[in-house]
Protein backbone atom coordinates (compact mmCIF):
# COMPACT_ATOMS: atom_id res chain seq x y z
CA UNK A 1 26.87 11.62 24.01
CA UNK A 2 26.40 12.57 27.34
CA UNK A 3 24.00 10.87 29.36
CA UNK A 4 21.76 14.63 29.75
CA UNK A 5 21.60 13.80 25.81
CA UNK A 6 20.63 11.03 25.87
CA UNK A 7 17.59 11.06 28.84
CA UNK A 8 16.19 14.49 26.94
CA UNK A 9 15.92 11.67 23.85
CA UNK A 10 14.92 9.00 26.10
CA UNK A 11 12.17 11.90 27.75
CA UNK A 12 11.16 13.01 24.49
CA UNK A 13 10.16 9.42 22.96
CA UNK A 14 8.66 8.04 26.41
CA UNK A 15 5.78 11.36 26.12
CA UNK A 16 4.93 9.69 22.64
CA UNK A 17 4.91 6.69 23.64
CA UNK A 18 0.98 4.63 24.04
CA UNK A 19 2.50 1.94 25.51
CA UNK A 20 4.97 4.18 29.16
CA UNK A 21 3.04 5.58 31.84
CA UNK A 22 5.99 7.43 33.48
CA UNK A 23 9.68 6.86 33.42
CA UNK A 24 11.77 7.71 36.80
CA UNK A 25 15.39 8.94 37.11
CA UNK A 26 17.70 6.76 39.37
CA UNK A 27 20.90 8.33 38.42
CA UNK A 28 22.23 11.04 36.11
CA UNK A 29 25.58 12.36 36.16
CA UNK A 30 28.32 13.47 33.70
CA UNK A 31 29.17 9.59 32.75
CA UNK A 32 25.77 7.61 34.01
CA UNK A 33 22.35 7.22 33.33
CA UNK A 34 19.82 4.73 34.73
CA UNK A 35 16.10 4.96 34.53
CA UNK A 36 12.86 3.17 34.43
CA UNK A 37 10.43 3.47 32.11
CA UNK A 38 7.42 2.59 33.64
CA UNK A 39 4.64 0.74 31.08
CA UNK A 40 0.86 0.31 31.27
CA UNK A 41 0.60 -2.53 31.77
CA UNK A 42 2.61 -2.28 35.31
CA UNK A 43 6.28 -3.49 33.67
CA UNK A 44 9.27 -1.06 32.99
CA UNK A 45 12.12 -0.86 31.32
CA UNK A 46 15.68 -1.46 32.65
CA UNK A 47 17.56 2.00 31.17
CA UNK A 48 21.03 1.57 32.06
CA UNK A 49 24.11 4.34 29.92
CA UNK A 50 27.67 4.89 30.95
CA UNK A 51 30.02 7.35 28.69
CA UNK A 52 32.39 6.45 30.25
CA UNK A 53 32.69 2.95 29.47
CA UNK A 54 30.30 2.90 25.79
CA UNK A 55 28.00 0.52 27.67
CA UNK A 56 24.34 0.62 26.34
CA UNK A 57 21.55 -1.99 28.03
CA UNK A 58 17.44 -1.83 28.16
CA UNK A 59 15.53 -5.17 29.65
CA UNK A 60 11.73 -4.98 29.62
CA UNK A 61 11.40 -6.20 33.08
CA UNK A 62 8.40 -8.66 34.05
CA UNK A 63 8.19 -9.65 37.14
CA UNK A 64 11.22 -8.65 39.06
CA UNK A 65 12.90 -10.87 35.68
CA UNK A 66 14.02 -10.29 32.85
CA UNK A 67 11.81 -11.14 29.51
CA UNK A 68 13.68 -9.33 27.40
CA UNK A 69 16.64 -7.25 26.28
CA UNK A 70 19.43 -5.91 24.47
CA UNK A 71 22.53 -4.30 25.70
CA UNK A 72 26.39 -3.97 24.02
CA UNK A 73 28.68 -4.95 27.41
CA UNK A 74 31.31 -7.60 27.39
CA UNK A 75 30.92 -8.93 24.25
CA UNK A 76 29.44 -6.96 22.07
CA UNK A 77 25.69 -5.83 21.17
CA UNK A 78 23.66 -9.04 21.46
CA UNK A 79 20.15 -9.83 22.27
CA UNK A 80 18.46 -11.28 25.23
CA UNK A 81 15.46 -12.92 23.27
CA UNK A 82 11.92 -13.55 24.68
CA UNK A 83 11.61 -16.82 24.34
CA UNK A 84 15.10 -16.98 25.78
CA UNK A 85 16.06 -14.43 27.60
CA UNK A 86 18.85 -15.99 29.43
CA UNK A 87 20.47 -16.56 25.86
CA UNK A 88 22.48 -13.66 23.97
CA UNK A 89 22.80 -13.99 20.33
CA UNK A 90 24.85 -11.18 18.43
CA UNK A 91 22.51 -8.40 17.27
CA UNK A 92 23.11 -5.13 15.86
CA UNK A 93 23.37 -2.11 18.04
CA UNK A 94 19.56 -0.38 18.82
CA UNK A 95 18.76 2.82 19.75
CA UNK A 96 15.79 3.86 23.02
CA UNK A 97 13.12 4.47 21.06
CA UNK A 98 14.26 1.07 18.50
CA UNK A 99 14.02 -0.57 21.69
CA UNK A 100 10.40 0.32 22.71
CA UNK A 101 9.02 -0.34 19.20
CA UNK A 102 10.03 -3.79 19.34
CA UNK A 103 8.39 -4.02 22.74
CA UNK A 104 5.87 -2.63 22.10
CA UNK A 105 5.47 -5.40 18.91
CA UNK A 106 6.89 -8.13 21.34
CA UNK A 107 4.78 -7.20 24.05
CA UNK A 108 1.81 -5.37 23.46
CA UNK A 109 1.00 -6.16 20.43
CA UNK A 110 -2.77 -8.57 20.01
CA UNK A 111 -0.57 -12.39 19.15
CA UNK A 112 1.90 -11.20 22.28
CA UNK A 113 -1.15 -10.95 24.35
CA UNK A 114 -2.62 -14.56 23.47
CA UNK A 115 0.63 -16.37 23.88
CA UNK A 116 1.04 -14.51 26.99
CA UNK A 117 -2.32 -14.96 28.31
CA UNK A 118 -2.49 -19.52 27.69
CA UNK A 119 1.49 -19.40 29.23
């Protein structure tokens, strides 16, 4: 998939999501896509894709720190779990749409909000 095709898919997903406030393209060219998807609570998802190296990364950033993410850099597809975002746990590949749904469930569900408030 080209970076431009992925950008179009992400834009379509973002326009349908209740948790997305905006998005900002940082870089898009023949090989690379880098963008931020700003969420309604001032957190954001950092998206990186490199067609030449087939590397993809999605990271949920809160207060300038990755609290959750999935990528295929170095060791293949792995998750940086919400409970321990520095860890690398093998996982299946994920699309942006799937990652956004996970973020909505993990970060925006009422139970996740209650856990955040008690921390």
